[in-house]
Amino acid sequence: MAASCGGSGGSADTSRLTDREREWVEFSYAHEKNEDIKRTWEQLPAEGVKSYLEQQRPRLCGDTAALMKSLKEAGYEAGEMQEYKRKTAELIC
């Protein structure tokens, strides 16, 4: 089952994820500003989405300052950055 993420018609296959992981992937996908990253999510098979999330989890849940810097460099506004940080902590950390 592929969960639809965002309104752009794209999707990421979240069938191998827990409900909380699925919610985070859908949130992250919907708020992603880089179209190349969105395409990467869309092209990954279910196991690839799970593996990518596991690889990213230490970066997302570890160094908050680095995460915020990365989001700022990607063009996120302060409020968006705080929401992303909150959702990440709530759902996958």
Protein backbone atom coordinates (compact mmCIF):
# COMPACT_ATOMS: atom_id res chain seq x y z
CA MET A 1 0.00 0.00 0.00
CA ALA A 2 1.44 3.36 -0.94
CA ALA A 3 0.37 6.27 1.17
CA SER A 4 -0.21 9.46 -0.72
CA CYS A 5 1.97 12.24 0.57
CA GLY A 6 1.14 15.84 -0.15
CA GLY A 7 -1.17 17.14 -2.82
CA SER A 8 1.23 16.99 -5.76
CA GLY A 9 0.17 13.53 -6.86
CA GLY A 10 3.39 11.92 -5.66
CA SER A 11 3.64 9.26 -3.04
CA ALA A 12 6.08 7.37 -0.88
CA ASP A 13 5.48 3.71 -0.14
CA THR A 14 4.99 3.67 3.63
CA SER A 15 3.60 0.14 3.89
CA ARG A 16 6.59 -1.12 5.93
CA LEU A 17 6.45 1.65 8.52
CA THR A 18 4.79 1.96 11.90
CA ASP A 19 1.92 4.43 12.16
CA ARG A 20 4.19 7.05 13.77
CA GLU A 21 6.91 6.57 11.14
CA ARG A 22 4.28 6.77 8.39
CA GLU A 23 2.90 10.01 9.82
CA TRP A 24 6.41 11.48 9.95
CA VAL A 25 7.23 10.46 6.35
CA GLU A 26 3.94 11.95 5.14
CA PHE A 27 4.60 15.15 7.11
CA SER A 28 8.20 15.40 5.90
CA TYR A 29 7.22 14.72 2.30
CA ALA A 30 4.43 17.30 2.37
CA HIS A 31 6.80 19.96 3.74
CA GLU A 32 9.83 19.06 1.60
CA LYS A 33 11.06 22.03 -0.43
CA ASN A 34 13.54 20.10 -2.58
CA GLU A 35 11.85 18.40 -5.54
CA ASP A 36 14.81 16.02 -5.99
CA ILE A 37 14.33 14.72 -2.46
CA LYS A 38 10.59 14.32 -3.10
CA ARG A 39 11.37 12.27 -6.22
CA THR A 40 13.80 10.15 -4.21
CA TRP A 41 11.04 9.33 -1.68
CA GLU A 42 8.67 8.48 -4.55
CA GLN A 43 11.15 6.13 -6.23
CA LEU A 44 12.07 4.12 -3.13
CA PRO A 45 10.38 0.75 -2.61
CA ALA A 46 8.77 0.16 0.80
CA GLU A 47 11.94 -1.40 2.25
CA GLY A 48 13.99 1.50 0.88
CA VAL A 49 11.76 4.05 2.65
CA LYS A 50 12.20 2.13 5.91
CA SER A 51 15.97 1.88 5.42
CA TYR A 52 16.32 5.57 4.50
CA LEU A 53 14.37 6.59 7.59
CA GLU A 54 16.59 4.41 9.80
CA GLN A 55 19.72 5.96 8.24
CA GLN A 56 18.40 9.48 8.78
CA ARG A 57 17.10 8.96 12.32
CA PRO A 58 20.46 9.66 14.08
CA ARG A 59 20.83 12.93 12.17
CA LEU A 60 17.23 13.94 12.77
CA CYS A 61 17.17 12.97 16.44
CA GLY A 62 20.73 13.74 17.46
CA ASP A 63 22.18 17.17 16.92
CA THR A 64 19.30 19.66 17.06
CA ALA A 65 21.55 22.58 16.08
CA ALA A 66 22.72 20.75 12.95
CA LEU A 67 19.13 19.83 12.06
CA MET A 68 17.98 23.43 12.42
CA LYS A 69 20.94 24.69 10.37
CA SER A 70 20.14 22.17 7.64
CA LEU A 71 16.48 23.23 7.58
CA LYS A 72 17.45 26.90 7.44
CA GLU A 73 19.81 26.24 4.54
CA ALA A 74 16.99 24.39 2.76
CA GLY A 75 14.83 27.51 2.94
CA TYR A 76 12.58 26.76 5.90
CA GLU A 77 11.20 29.70 7.89
CA ALA A 78 11.57 29.79 11.71
CA GLY A 79 8.02 28.54 12.37
CA GLU A 80 8.40 25.72 9.85
CA MET A 81 11.69 24.71 11.43
CA GLN A 82 10.13 24.54 14.90
CA GLU A 83 7.19 22.49 13.60
CA TYR A 84 9.55 20.10 11.80
CA LYS A 85 11.66 19.69 14.95
CA ARG A 86 8.55 19.12 17.09
CA LYS A 87 7.05 16.56 14.70
CA THR A 88 10.35 14.75 14.37
CA ALA A 89 10.78 14.50 18.16
CA GLU A 90 7.16 13.46 18.64
CA LEU A 91 7.02 10.80 15.93
CA ILE A 92 10.41 9.22 15.34
CA CYS A 93 12.83 10.11 18.13
